[in-house]
Amino acid sequence: MKFAKRFSLVALALSACLGLSGAASAAGKFACEPGETYVMNVMVSGHPYWVPVFQGFKQAAESLGCTAVFSGTPDYDIAKQIASFEQDLVKKPAGILLHPMQADPFIDPINAAIASGVSVTTFAADSPKSKRTAYVTSDNVAEAKFAAEEIVKTVGDSAEYAVLENPGQSNHDLRVTAFISYMEKNYPKMKLVGRQPTNQDSNAAYQAVTTMLQANPNLAAIWIPEAGSAEGAVAAVKESGKKVIIMHADVTPTTLAEIKAGNIHMALNPNQGVQGFLGFMNTFLGAHPGLIDPFNDYKVSGFNPMQFPYMDNGFAVITKDNADSFDLAKYMEGRN
């Protein structure tokens, strides 16, 4: 209940800001100057996850008369993403909404951007030791707890389970470590029999799960922190002919089809459009600190008064019953 109240207050404040945008525009306040640009930078830029996020980002930008640009690298390569981020800075945007592939390598690039006057908000994955002004994400611990409870409800509290993981990406790491910790604390009879890094690679996941099933014939459930590996995992389980509960975070058109077919039990998907919308609003406010007077010491200490260490955009549970609501092609009809 405390969380619900806190999130409601945040949503109310942002809604009020948007509601005032028309009047404030006349005063030259809650709106962008002509040509004022905000960038959303990601890794693996072709991944379908980013599409609804950017739609929310663009919707918020357009409501304030701002220009929204999608950027990043098509590769799963930290050096290439940092290079794309630095190329974005050359164009002097007002702010960047960033999904950092890894936390620590982005500390210096983010800090350099902040020092140059560019607002930086992270989303879905974080660089908490950097000077980014805000972080927008779903609650990865809550996702892990939900997944653990659903698996136990489905297979019982004395079964074997496994996890796939993507070490180095903060949200994926937390989804896995929190899941295992929750199981160990609350369901000690549940046995972890496999833990394999697959790094969002469906082929690696296929091989890993095939090996796990051969070594552990009683494997009952698999938790996966992202959708790419889930694609390979479900292929391996289908090929084996065994009954194994698969749950994963995020969704792709491929995993959505498997959910509809009953081959994946459930997916936990961050509210992507909300994530992009709130991500833009935090980035905009970070670029316009004069709109905020937070009743603290920012005037004498010199830090940006826009500081929001964590904002929860919530997550949705995707099942066979509601899967049609997550059809990306239908969502994009009529959009550009």
C-alpha atoms as a PDB file:
ATOM      1  CA  MET A   1       0.000   0.000   0.000  1.00  0.00           C
ATOM      2  CA  LYS A   2       2.833   2.401   0.773  1.00  0.00           C
ATOM      3  CA  PHE A   3       4.283   1.749  -2.688  1.00  0.00           C
ATOM      4  CA  ALA A   4       0.930   2.341  -4.337  1.00  0.00           C
ATOM      5  CA  LYS A   5       0.558   5.686  -2.591  1.00  0.00           C
ATOM      6  CA  ARG A   6       4.087   6.744  -3.448  1.00  0.00           C
ATOM      7  CA  PHE A   7       3.688   5.873  -7.134  1.00  0.00           C
ATOM      8  CA  SER A   8       0.313   7.611  -7.243  1.00  0.00           C
ATOM      9  CA  LEU A   9       1.857  10.819  -5.957  1.00  0.00           C
ATOM     10  CA  VAL A  10       4.581  10.647  -8.603  1.00  0.00           C
ATOM     11  CA  ALA A  11       2.071   9.966 -11.359  1.00  0.00           C
ATOM     12  CA  LEU A  12      -0.131  12.797 -10.107  1.00  0.00           C
ATOM     13  CA  ALA A  13       2.783  15.217 -10.120  1.00  0.00           C
ATOM     14  CA  LEU A  14       3.800  14.303 -13.660  1.00  0.00           C
ATOM     15  CA  SER A  15       0.199  14.439 -14.843  1.00  0.00           C
ATOM     16  CA  ALA A  16      -0.138  17.881 -13.325  1.00  0.00           C
ATOM     17  CA  CYS A  17       3.013  18.970 -15.141  1.00  0.00           C
ATOM     18  CA  LEU A  18       1.618  17.770 -18.457  1.00  0.00           C
ATOM     19  CA  GLY A  19      -1.752  19.315 -17.735  1.00  0.00           C
ATOM     20  CA  LEU A  20      -0.076  22.665 -17.232  1.00  0.00           C
ATOM     21  CA  SER A  21       2.004  22.362 -20.392  1.00  0.00           C
ATOM     22  CA  GLY A  22      -0.406  24.393 -22.511  1.00  0.00           C
ATOM     23  CA  ALA A  23      -0.479  27.355 -20.137  1.00  0.00           C
ATOM     24  CA  ALA A  24       3.207  27.085 -19.315  1.00  0.00           C
ATOM     25  CA  SER A  25       4.146  27.078 -22.989  1.00  0.00           C
ATOM     26  CA  ALA A  26       2.938  30.630 -23.299  1.00  0.00           C
ATOM     27  CA  ALA A  27       5.276  31.615 -20.473  1.00  0.00           C
ATOM     28  CA  GLY A  28       8.137  29.699 -22.103  1.00  0.00           C
ATOM     29  CA  LYS A  29       8.444  27.261 -19.226  1.00  0.00           C
ATOM     30  CA  PHE A  30       7.080  23.724 -19.414  1.00  0.00           C
ATOM     31  CA  ALA A  31       7.866  23.206 -23.086  1.00  0.00           C
ATOM     32  CA  CYS A  32      10.830  22.827 -25.408  1.00  0.00           C
ATOM     33  CA  GLU A  33      12.527  25.538 -27.387  1.00  0.00           C
ATOM     34  CA  PRO A  34      12.363  25.056 -31.180  1.00  0.00           C
ATOM     35  CA  GLY A  35      14.696  22.216 -32.163  1.00  0.00           C
ATOM     36  CA  GLU A  36      15.283  21.044 -28.589  1.00  0.00           C
ATOM     37  CA  THR A  37      16.155  17.353 -28.952  1.00  0.00           C
ATOM     38  CA  TYR A  38      16.099  14.315 -26.663  1.00  0.00           C
ATOM     39  CA  VAL A  39      17.688  10.981 -27.543  1.00  0.00           C
ATOM     40  CA  MET A  40      16.861   7.439 -26.439  1.00  0.00           C
ATOM     41  CA  ASN A  41      20.044   5.325 -26.625  1.00  0.00           C
ATOM     42  CA  VAL A  42      20.040   1.499 -26.383  1.00  0.00           C
ATOM     43  CA  MET A  43      22.073  -1.585 -27.178  1.00  0.00           C
ATOM     44  CA  VAL A  44      20.814  -4.218 -29.666  1.00  0.00           C
ATOM     45  CA  SER A  45      18.741  -1.483 -31.283  1.00  0.00           C
ATOM     46  CA  GLY A  46      16.731  -3.909 -33.415  1.00  0.00           C
ATOM     47  CA  HIS A  47      15.218  -5.667 -30.377  1.00  0.00           C
ATOM     48  CA  PRO A  48      11.415  -5.351 -30.270  1.00  0.00           C
ATOM     49  CA  TYR A  49      11.505  -4.365 -26.580  1.00  0.00           C
ATOM     50  CA  TRP A  50      12.505  -0.811 -27.445  1.00  0.00           C
ATOM     51  CA  VAL A  51       9.589  -0.155 -29.793  1.00  0.00           C
ATOM     52  CA  PRO A  52       6.842   0.570 -27.219  1.00  0.00           C
ATOM     53  CA  VAL A  53       9.384   2.322 -24.972  1.00  0.00           C
ATOM     54  CA  PHE A  54      10.274   4.754 -27.747  1.00  0.00           C
ATOM     55  CA  GLN A  55       6.603   5.259 -28.564  1.00  0.00           C
ATOM     56  CA  GLY A  56       6.004   6.422 -24.982  1.00  0.00           C
ATOM     57  CA  PHE A  57       9.163   8.551 -25.092  1.00  0.00           C
ATOM     58  CA  LYS A  58       8.072  10.164 -28.362  1.00  0.00           C
ATOM     59  CA  GLN A  59       4.514  10.759 -27.148  1.00  0.00           C
ATOM     60  CA  ALA A  60       5.763  12.688 -24.116  1.00  0.00           C
ATOM     61  CA  ALA A  61       8.283  14.607 -26.235  1.00  0.00           C
ATOM     62  CA  GLU A  62       5.710  15.664 -28.809  1.00  0.00           C
ATOM     63  CA  SER A  63       3.296  16.813 -26.103  1.00  0.00           C
ATOM     64  CA  LEU A  64       5.897  19.401 -25.047  1.00  0.00           C
ATOM     65  CA  GLY A  65       6.971  20.363 -28.549  1.00  0.00           C
ATOM     66  CA  CYS A  66      10.285  18.481 -28.307  1.00  0.00           C
ATOM     67  CA  THR A  67      12.114  16.375 -30.892  1.00  0.00           C
ATOM     68  CA  ALA A  68      12.623  12.670 -30.063  1.00  0.00           C
ATOM     69  CA  VAL A  69      15.426  10.608 -31.654  1.00  0.00           C
ATOM     70  CA  PHE A  70      16.108   6.866 -31.397  1.00  0.00           C
ATOM     71  CA  SER A  71      19.792   5.861 -31.240  1.00  0.00           C
ATOM     72  CA  GLY A  72      22.217   3.152 -30.144  1.00  0.00           C
ATOM     73  CA  THR A  73      24.052   0.203 -31.626  1.00  0.00           C
ATOM     74  CA  PRO A  74      22.686  -2.936 -33.311  1.00  0.00           C
ATOM     75  CA  ASP A  75      25.328  -4.989 -31.515  1.00  0.00           C
ATOM     76  CA  TYR A  76      25.510  -6.518 -28.048  1.00  0.00           C
ATOM     77  CA  ASP A  77      28.819  -4.756 -27.443  1.00  0.00           C
ATOM     78  CA  ILE A  78      29.520  -2.345 -24.588  1.00  0.00           C
ATOM     79  CA  ALA A  79      32.284  -0.496 -26.454  1.00  0.00           C
ATOM     80  CA  LYS A  80      30.018   0.108 -29.438  1.00  0.00           C
ATOM     81  CA  GLN A  81      27.181   1.350 -27.257  1.00  0.00           C
ATOM     82  CA  ILE A  82      29.472   3.775 -25.446  1.00  0.00           C
ATOM     83  CA  ALA A  83      30.723   4.996 -28.834  1.00  0.00           C
ATOM     84  CA  SER A  84      27.147   5.581 -30.005  1.00  0.00           C
ATOM     85  CA  PHE A  85      26.385   7.455 -26.769  1.00  0.00           C
ATOM     86  CA  GLU A  86      29.397   9.695 -27.279  1.00  0.00           C
ATOM     87  CA  GLN A  87      28.369  10.308 -30.900  1.00  0.00           C
ATOM     88  CA  ASP A  88      24.950  11.398 -29.627  1.00  0.00           C
ATOM     89  CA  LEU A  89      26.645  13.922 -27.325  1.00  0.00           C
ATOM     90  CA  VAL A  90      28.430  15.516 -30.279  1.00  0.00           C
ATOM     91  CA  LYS A  91      25.005  16.564 -31.594  1.00  0.00           C
ATOM     92  CA  LYS A  92      24.361  18.458 -28.332  1.00  0.00           C
ATOM     93  CA  PRO A  93      20.967  17.081 -27.311  1.00  0.00           C
ATOM     94  CA  ALA A  94      19.232  18.494 -24.256  1.00  0.00           C
ATOM     95  CA  GLY A  95      19.049  15.027 -22.734  1.00  0.00           C
ATOM     96  CA  ILE A  96      19.538  11.299 -23.255  1.00  0.00           C
ATOM     97  CA  LEU A  97      17.380   8.453 -21.964  1.00  0.00           C
ATOM     98  CA  LEU A  98      19.909   5.628 -21.708  1.00  0.00           C
ATOM     99  CA  HIS A  99      19.671   1.868 -21.311  1.00  0.00           C
ATOM    100  CA  PRO A 100      23.257   1.064 -20.270  1.00  0.00           C
ATOM    101  CA  MET A 101      24.311  -2.442 -21.253  1.00  0.00           C
ATOM    102  CA  GLN A 102      26.616  -2.567 -18.232  1.00  0.00           C
ATOM    103  CA  ALA A 103      26.715  -0.292 -15.205  1.00  0.00           C
ATOM    104  CA  ASP A 104      30.354   0.541 -14.462  1.00  0.00           C
ATOM    105  CA  PRO A 105      31.687   1.139 -17.996  1.00  0.00           C
ATOM    106  CA  PHE A 106      29.078   3.869 -18.371  1.00  0.00           C
ATOM    107  CA  ILE A 107      30.036   5.795 -15.219  1.00  0.00           C
ATOM    108  CA  ASP A 108      32.563   8.087 -16.899  1.00  0.00           C
ATOM    109  CA  PRO A 109      30.577   8.638 -20.126  1.00  0.00           C
ATOM    110  CA  ILE A 110      27.447   9.554 -18.151  1.00  0.00           C
ATOM    111  CA  ASN A 111      29.378  11.842 -15.822  1.00  0.00           C
ATOM    112  CA  ALA A 112      31.035  13.543 -18.788  1.00  0.00           C
ATOM    113  CA  ALA A 113      27.620  14.103 -20.374  1.00  0.00           C
ATOM    114  CA  ILE A 114      26.253  15.585 -17.153  1.00  0.00           C
ATOM    115  CA  ALA A 115      29.309  17.846 -16.855  1.00  0.00           C
ATOM    116  CA  SER A 116      28.667  19.113 -20.386  1.00  0.00           C
ATOM    117  CA  GLY A 117      25.118  20.067 -19.492  1.00  0.00           C
ATOM    118  CA  VAL A 118      23.264  17.086 -20.982  1.00  0.00           C
ATOM    119  CA  SER A 119      20.562  15.520 -18.807  1.00  0.00           C
ATOM    120  CA  VAL A 120      20.847  11.717 -18.479  1.00  0.00           C
ATOM    121  CA  THR A 121      18.191   9.328 -17.200  1.00  0.00           C
ATOM    122  CA  THR A 122      18.730   5.560 -17.182  1.00  0.00           C
ATOM    123  CA  PHE A 123      15.928   3.071 -17.809  1.00  0.00           C
ATOM    124  CA  ALA A 124      15.420  -0.685 -17.446  1.00  0.00           C
ATOM    125  CA  ALA A 125      19.113  -1.071 -16.516  1.00  0.00           C
ATOM    126  CA  ASP A 126      21.099   1.331 -14.376  1.00  0.00           C
ATOM    127  CA  SER A 127      24.517   2.823 -13.716  1.00  0.00           C
ATOM    128  CA  PRO A 128      23.922   3.688 -10.053  1.00  0.00           C
ATOM    129  CA  LYS A 129      27.445   4.963  -9.327  1.00  0.00           C
ATOM    130  CA  SER A 130      27.160   7.559 -12.072  1.00  0.00           C
ATOM    131  CA  LYS A 131      25.648  11.028 -11.696  1.00  0.00           C
ATOM    132  CA  ARG A 132      22.549  10.207 -13.751  1.00  0.00           C
ATOM    133  CA  THR A 133      19.642  12.212 -12.396  1.00  0.00           C
ATOM    134  CA  ALA A 134      16.953   9.541 -12.525  1.00  0.00           C
ATOM    135  CA  TYR A 135      16.322   5.816 -13.039  1.00  0.00           C
ATOM    136  CA  VAL A 136      13.062   4.394 -14.421  1.00  0.00           C
ATOM    137  CA  THR A 137      12.407   0.651 -14.338  1.00  0.00           C
ATOM    138  CA  SER A 138      10.037  -2.072 -13.272  1.00  0.00           C
ATOM    139  CA  ASP A 139      10.604  -3.533  -9.801  1.00  0.00           C
ATOM    140  CA  ASN A 140      12.915  -6.460 -10.588  1.00  0.00           C
ATOM    141  CA  VAL A 141      12.687  -7.835  -7.038  1.00  0.00           C
ATOM    142  CA  ALA A 142       8.890  -7.837  -7.229  1.00  0.00           C
ATOM    143  CA  GLU A 143       9.106  -9.610 -10.593  1.00  0.00           C
ATOM    144  CA  ALA A 144      11.379 -12.276  -9.096  1.00  0.00           C
ATOM    145  CA  LYS A 145       9.080 -12.782  -6.117  1.00  0.00           C
ATOM    146  CA  PHE A 146       6.029 -13.069  -8.374  1.00  0.00           C
ATOM    147  CA  ALA A 147       7.808 -15.627 -10.580  1.00  0.00           C
ATOM    148  CA  ALA A 148       8.907 -17.704  -7.591  1.00  0.00           C
ATOM    149  CA  GLU A 149       5.416 -17.759  -6.093  1.00  0.00           C
ATOM    150  CA  GLU A 150       3.817 -18.664  -9.417  1.00  0.00           C
ATOM    151  CA  ILE A 151       6.268 -21.511  -9.999  1.00  0.00           C
ATOM    152  CA  VAL A 152       5.732 -22.938  -6.517  1.00  0.00           C
ATOM    153  CA  LYS A 153       1.960 -22.642  -6.941  1.00  0.00           C
ATOM    154  CA  THR A 154       2.231 -24.575 -10.207  1.00  0.00           C
ATOM    155  CA  VAL A 155       4.808 -27.297  -9.458  1.00  0.00           C
ATOM    156  CA  GLY A 156       4.719 -27.503  -5.654  1.00  0.00           C
ATOM    157  CA  ASP A 157       7.299 -26.490  -3.039  1.00  0.00           C
ATOM    158  CA  SER A 158       9.636 -29.492  -3.347  1.00  0.00           C
ATOM    159  CA  ALA A 159      10.570 -29.464  -7.038  1.00  0.00           C
ATOM    160  CA  GLU A 160      13.721 -28.912  -9.087  1.00  0.00           C
ATOM    161  CA  TYR A 161      14.241 -25.631 -10.909  1.00  0.00           C
ATOM    162  CA  ALA A 162      16.871 -23.887 -13.014  1.00  0.00           C
ATOM    163  CA  VAL A 163      17.693 -20.348 -14.121  1.00  0.00           C
ATOM    164  CA  LEU A 164      19.314 -18.839 -17.177  1.00  0.00           C
ATOM    165  CA  GLU A 165      21.092 -15.510 -16.778  1.00  0.00           C
ATOM    166  CA  ASN A 166      22.776 -12.580 -18.467  1.00  0.00           C
ATOM    167  CA  PRO A 167      25.602 -11.528 -16.110  1.00  0.00           C
ATOM    168  CA  GLY A 168      26.568  -7.870 -16.093  1.00  0.00           C
ATOM    169  CA  GLN A 169      23.224  -6.257 -16.935  1.00  0.00           C
ATOM    170  CA  SER A 170      21.848  -4.875 -13.686  1.00  0.00           C
ATOM    171  CA  ASN A 171      18.145  -5.604 -14.125  1.00  0.00           C
ATOM    172  CA  HIS A 172      18.759  -9.135 -15.374  1.00  0.00           C
ATOM    173  CA  ASP A 173      21.188  -9.841 -12.539  1.00  0.00           C
ATOM    174  CA  LEU A 174      18.653  -8.671  -9.969  1.00  0.00           C
ATOM    175  CA  ARG A 175      15.842 -10.726 -11.477  1.00  0.00           C
ATOM    176  CA  VAL A 176      17.972 -13.871 -11.060  1.00  0.00           C
ATOM    177  CA  THR A 177      19.652 -13.241  -7.697  1.00  0.00           C
ATOM    178  CA  ALA A 178      16.417 -12.053  -6.063  1.00  0.00           C
ATOM    179  CA  PHE A 179      14.578 -15.108  -7.426  1.00  0.00           C
ATOM    180  CA  ILE A 180      17.127 -17.558  -6.039  1.00  0.00           C
ATOM    181  CA  SER A 181      17.323 -15.743  -2.693  1.00  0.00           C
ATOM    182  CA  TYR A 182      13.554 -15.747  -2.364  1.00  0.00           C
ATOM    183  CA  MET A 183      13.375 -19.473  -3.099  1.00  0.00           C
ATOM    184  CA  GLU A 184      16.135 -20.268  -0.595  1.00  0.00           C
ATOM    185  CA  LYS A 185      14.499 -18.205   2.137  1.00  0.00           C
ATOM    186  CA  ASN A 186      10.867 -19.166   1.635  1.00  0.00           C
ATOM    187  CA  TYR A 187      10.933 -22.566  -0.060  1.00  0.00           C
ATOM    188  CA  PRO A 188      14.061 -24.418   1.100  1.00  0.00           C
ATOM    189  CA  LYS A 189      12.817 -27.704  -0.383  1.00  0.00           C
ATOM    190  CA  MET A 190      12.993 -26.222  -3.876  1.00  0.00           C
ATOM    191  CA  LYS A 191      16.257 -27.375  -5.426  1.00  0.00           C
ATOM    192  CA  LEU A 192      18.328 -25.290  -7.842  1.00  0.00           C
ATOM    193  CA  VAL A 193      19.834 -27.805 -10.282  1.00  0.00           C
ATOM    194  CA  GLY A 194      21.033 -25.527 -13.061  1.00  0.00           C
ATOM    195  CA  ARG A 195      22.318 -21.979 -13.444  1.00  0.00           C
ATOM    196  CA  GLN A 196      23.689 -21.124 -16.852  1.00  0.00           C
ATOM    197  CA  PRO A 197      24.704 -17.813 -18.471  1.00  0.00           C
ATOM    198  CA  THR A 198      23.159 -17.600 -21.932  1.00  0.00           C
ATOM    199  CA  ASN A 199      23.529 -13.829 -22.484  1.00  0.00           C
ATOM    200  CA  GLN A 200      20.273 -13.350 -24.411  1.00  0.00           C
ATOM    201  CA  ASP A 201      21.457 -15.832 -27.046  1.00  0.00           C
ATOM    202  CA  SER A 202      18.666 -18.218 -28.065  1.00  0.00           C
ATOM    203  CA  ASN A 203      21.134 -20.792 -29.429  1.00  0.00           C
ATOM    204  CA  ALA A 204      23.145 -20.781 -26.192  1.00  0.00           C
ATOM    205  CA  ALA A 205      19.901 -21.159 -24.247  1.00  0.00           C
ATOM    206  CA  TYR A 206      18.809 -24.082 -26.413  1.00  0.00           C
ATOM    207  CA  GLN A 207      22.092 -25.885 -25.735  1.00  0.00           C
ATOM    208  CA  ALA A 208      22.038 -25.071 -22.014  1.00  0.00           C
ATOM    209  CA  VAL A 209      18.482 -26.268 -21.461  1.00  0.00           C
ATOM    210  CA  THR A 210      19.033 -29.393 -23.548  1.00  0.00           C
ATOM    211  CA  THR A 211      21.976 -30.275 -21.288  1.00  0.00           C
ATOM    212  CA  MET A 212      20.017 -29.443 -18.132  1.00  0.00           C
ATOM    213  CA  LEU A 213      17.139 -31.693 -19.153  1.00  0.00           C
ATOM    214  CA  GLN A 214      19.493 -34.596 -19.850  1.00  0.00           C
ATOM    215  CA  ALA A 215      21.263 -34.176 -16.497  1.00  0.00           C
ATOM    216  CA  ASN A 216      18.097 -33.469 -14.494  1.00  0.00           C
ATOM    217  CA  PRO A 217      15.152 -35.554 -15.715  1.00  0.00           C
ATOM    218  CA  ASN A 218      12.954 -34.178 -12.915  1.00  0.00           C
ATOM    219  CA  LEU A 219      13.507 -30.525 -13.797  1.00  0.00           C
ATOM    220  CA  ALA A 220      10.125 -28.857 -13.276  1.00  0.00           C
ATOM    221  CA  ALA A 221      10.600 -25.144 -13.948  1.00  0.00           C
ATOM    222  CA  ILE A 222      12.938 -22.559 -15.487  1.00  0.00           C
ATOM    223  CA  TRP A 223      13.075 -18.815 -14.723  1.00  0.00           C
ATOM    224  CA  ILE A 224      14.694 -16.577 -17.349  1.00  0.00           C
ATOM    225  CA  PRO A 225      15.343 -12.813 -16.930  1.00  0.00           C
ATOM    226  CA  GLU A 226      14.762 -11.902 -20.579  1.00  0.00           C
ATOM    227  CA  ALA A 227      12.970 -13.120 -23.687  1.00  0.00           C
ATOM    228  CA  GLY A 228      15.818 -13.940 -26.085  1.00  0.00           C
ATOM    229  CA  SER A 229      17.022 -16.879 -24.012  1.00  0.00           C
ATOM    230  CA  ALA A 230      13.409 -17.965 -23.457  1.00  0.00           C
ATOM    231  CA  GLU A 231      13.108 -18.522 -27.220  1.00  0.00           C
ATOM    232  CA  GLY A 232      15.887 -21.120 -27.099  1.00  0.00           C
ATOM    233  CA  ALA A 233      14.688 -22.633 -23.830  1.00  0.00           C
ATOM    234  CA  VAL A 234      11.184 -23.326 -25.116  1.00  0.00           C
ATOM    235  CA  ALA A 235      12.590 -24.932 -28.273  1.00  0.00           C
ATOM    236  CA  ALA A 236      14.676 -27.319 -26.147  1.00  0.00           C
ATOM    237  CA  VAL A 237      11.754 -28.219 -23.885  1.00  0.00           C
ATOM    238  CA  LYS A 238       9.426 -28.836 -26.833  1.00  0.00           C
ATOM    239  CA  GLU A 239      12.024 -31.054 -28.476  1.00  0.00           C
ATOM    240  CA  SER A 240      12.437 -33.082 -25.279  1.00  0.00           C
ATOM    241  CA  GLY A 241       8.716 -33.728 -24.967  1.00  0.00           C
ATOM    242  CA  LYS A 242       8.903 -33.036 -21.237  1.00  0.00           C
ATOM    243  CA  LYS A 243       6.581 -30.917 -19.121  1.00  0.00           C
ATOM    244  CA  VAL A 244       8.620 -27.986 -17.815  1.00  0.00           C
ATOM    245  CA  ILE A 245       7.180 -24.677 -16.667  1.00  0.00           C
ATOM    246  CA  ILE A 246       8.922 -21.760 -18.378  1.00  0.00           C
ATOM    247  CA  MET A 247       8.574 -18.227 -17.050  1.00  0.00           C
ATOM    248  CA  HIS A 248      10.515 -15.238 -18.294  1.00  0.00           C
ATOM    249  CA  ALA A 249      10.673 -11.447 -18.167  1.00  0.00           C
ATOM    250  CA  ASP A 250      10.006  -9.213 -21.200  1.00  0.00           C
ATOM    251  CA  VAL A 251       8.364 -10.491 -24.384  1.00  0.00           C
ATOM    252  CA  THR A 252       9.126 -10.887 -28.092  1.00  0.00           C
ATOM    253  CA  PRO A 253       6.769 -11.850 -30.915  1.00  0.00           C
ATOM    254  CA  THR A 254       8.279 -15.351 -30.772  1.00  0.00           C
ATOM    255  CA  THR A 255       7.702 -15.868 -27.051  1.00  0.00           C
ATOM    256  CA  LEU A 256       4.235 -14.317 -27.328  1.00  0.00           C
ATOM    257  CA  ALA A 257       3.332 -16.958 -29.910  1.00  0.00           C
ATOM    258  CA  GLU A 258       4.627 -19.669 -27.560  1.00  0.00           C
ATOM    259  CA  ILE A 259       2.542 -18.243 -24.718  1.00  0.00           C
ATOM    260  CA  LYS A 260      -0.542 -18.366 -26.934  1.00  0.00           C
ATOM    261  CA  ALA A 261       0.320 -21.977 -27.820  1.00  0.00           C
ATOM    262  CA  GLY A 262       0.644 -22.904 -24.154  1.00  0.00           C
ATOM    263  CA  ASN A 263       4.360 -23.724 -24.368  1.00  0.00           C
ATOM    264  CA  ILE A 264       5.474 -20.845 -22.148  1.00  0.00           C
ATOM    265  CA  HIS A 265       3.582 -20.567 -18.885  1.00  0.00           C
ATOM    266  CA  MET A 266       3.810 -16.818 -18.381  1.00  0.00           C
ATOM    267  CA  ALA A 267       5.867 -13.692 -19.058  1.00  0.00           C
ATOM    268  CA  LEU A 268       6.343 -10.666 -16.818  1.00  0.00           C
ATOM    269  CA  ASN A 269       6.602  -7.613 -19.016  1.00  0.00           C
ATOM    270  CA  PRO A 270       7.531  -4.085 -17.867  1.00  0.00           C
ATOM    271  CA  ASN A 271       4.982  -1.484 -18.889  1.00  0.00           C
ATOM    272  CA  GLN A 272       7.147  -0.318 -21.776  1.00  0.00           C
ATOM    273  CA  GLY A 273       5.097   2.657 -22.940  1.00  0.00           C
ATOM    274  CA  VAL A 274       4.915   3.985 -19.380  1.00  0.00           C
ATOM    275  CA  GLN A 275       8.650   3.412 -19.044  1.00  0.00           C
ATOM    276  CA  GLY A 276       9.385   5.534 -22.101  1.00  0.00           C
ATOM    277  CA  PHE A 277       6.908   8.258 -21.149  1.00  0.00           C
ATOM    278  CA  LEU A 278       8.232   8.605 -17.591  1.00  0.00           C
ATOM    279  CA  GLY A 279      11.776   8.270 -18.916  1.00  0.00           C
ATOM    280  CA  PHE A 280      11.277  11.291 -21.143  1.00  0.00           C
ATOM    281  CA  MET A 281       9.660  13.350 -18.377  1.00  0.00           C
ATOM    282  CA  ASN A 282      12.572  12.681 -16.022  1.00  0.00           C
ATOM    283  CA  THR A 283      15.083  13.556 -18.739  1.00  0.00           C
ATOM    284  CA  PHE A 284      13.210  16.752 -19.616  1.00  0.00           C
ATOM    285  CA  LEU A 285      13.046  17.853 -15.980  1.00  0.00           C
ATOM    286  CA  GLY A 286      16.739  17.091 -15.587  1.00  0.00           C
ATOM    287  CA  ALA A 287      17.406  19.436 -18.512  1.00  0.00           C
ATOM    288  CA  HIS A 288      15.130  22.132 -17.049  1.00  0.00           C
ATOM    289  CA  PRO A 289      16.042  22.227 -13.349  1.00  0.00           C
ATOM    290  CA  GLY A 290      14.721  25.767 -13.103  1.00  0.00           C
ATOM    291  CA  LEU A 291      11.210  24.289 -13.116  1.00  0.00           C
ATOM    292  CA  ILE A 292      11.910  22.585  -9.778  1.00  0.00           C
ATOM    293  CA  ASP A 293      12.430  24.130  -6.344  1.00  0.00           C
ATOM    294  CA  PRO A 294      12.640  21.066  -4.090  1.00  0.00           C
ATOM    295  CA  PHE A 295      13.225  22.743  -0.685  1.00  0.00           C
ATOM    296  CA  ASN A 296      16.744  21.467  -0.088  1.00  0.00           C
ATOM    297  CA  ASP A 297      20.327  22.736  -0.335  1.00  0.00           C
ATOM    298  CA  TYR A 298      20.790  22.485  -4.108  1.00  0.00           C
ATOM    299  CA  LYS A 299      21.434  26.229  -4.495  1.00  0.00           C
ATOM    300  CA  VAL A 300      24.495  26.184  -2.247  1.00  0.00           C
ATOM    301  CA  SER A 301      25.732  22.680  -3.061  1.00  0.00           C
ATOM    302  CA  GLY A 302      25.357  23.172  -6.810  1.00  0.00           C
ATOM    303  CA  PHE A 303      23.742  19.842  -7.750  1.00  0.00           C
ATOM    304  CA  ASN A 304      20.844  19.438 -10.177  1.00  0.00           C
ATOM    305  CA  PRO A 305      17.621  19.663  -8.132  1.00  0.00           C
ATOM    306  CA  MET A 306      16.074  17.010 -10.376  1.00  0.00           C
ATOM    307  CA  GLN A 307      17.110  13.800  -8.595  1.00  0.00           C
ATOM    308  CA  PHE A 308      14.921  10.697  -8.768  1.00  0.00           C
ATOM    309  CA  PRO A 309      16.958   7.620  -7.794  1.00  0.00           C
ATOM    310  CA  TYR A 310      14.193   5.144  -8.643  1.00  0.00           C
ATOM    311  CA  MET A 311      10.792   5.276 -10.342  1.00  0.00           C
ATOM    312  CA  ASP A 312       8.755   2.085 -10.824  1.00  0.00           C
ATOM    313  CA  ASN A 313       6.881   1.872 -14.132  1.00  0.00           C
ATOM    314  CA  GLY A 314       5.168  -1.370 -13.087  1.00  0.00           C
ATOM    315  CA  PHE A 315       4.884  -4.680 -14.955  1.00  0.00           C
ATOM    316  CA  ALA A 316       2.164  -6.720 -16.634  1.00  0.00           C
ATOM    317  CA  VAL A 317       1.590 -10.478 -16.453  1.00  0.00           C
ATOM    318  CA  ILE A 318       1.180 -12.035 -19.899  1.00  0.00           C
ATOM    319  CA  THR A 319      -0.764 -15.298 -20.131  1.00  0.00           C
ATOM    320  CA  LYS A 320      -2.549 -17.193 -22.860  1.00  0.00           C
ATOM    321  CA  ASP A 321      -5.757 -15.362 -21.920  1.00  0.00           C
ATOM    322  CA  ASN A 322      -4.501 -11.801 -22.463  1.00  0.00           C
ATOM    323  CA  ALA A 323      -1.682 -12.373 -24.972  1.00  0.00           C
ATOM    324  CA  ASP A 324      -3.493 -10.583 -27.799  1.00  0.00           C
ATOM    325  CA  SER A 325      -3.106  -7.308 -25.900  1.00  0.00           C
ATOM    326  CA  PHE A 326       0.667  -7.568 -26.344  1.00  0.00           C
ATOM    327  CA  ASP A 327       0.734  -8.008 -30.111  1.00  0.00           C
ATOM    328  CA  LEU A 328       3.392  -5.523 -31.241  1.00  0.00           C
ATOM    329  CA  ALA A 329       2.136  -5.343 -34.837  1.00  0.00           C
ATOM    330  CA  LYS A 330      -1.354  -4.378 -33.664  1.00  0.00           C
ATOM    331  CA  TYR A 331       0.106  -1.839 -31.223  1.00  0.00           C
ATOM    332  CA  MET A 332       2.037  -0.160 -34.027  1.00  0.00           C
ATOM    333  CA  GLU A 333      -0.912   0.113 -36.415  1.00  0.00           C
ATOM    334  CA  GLY A 334      -1.430   3.782 -37.223  1.00  0.00           C
ATOM    335  CA  ARG A 335       1.777   4.830 -35.477  1.00  0.00           C
ATOM    336  CA  ASN A 336       5.011   6.085 -37.028  1.00  0.00           C
END
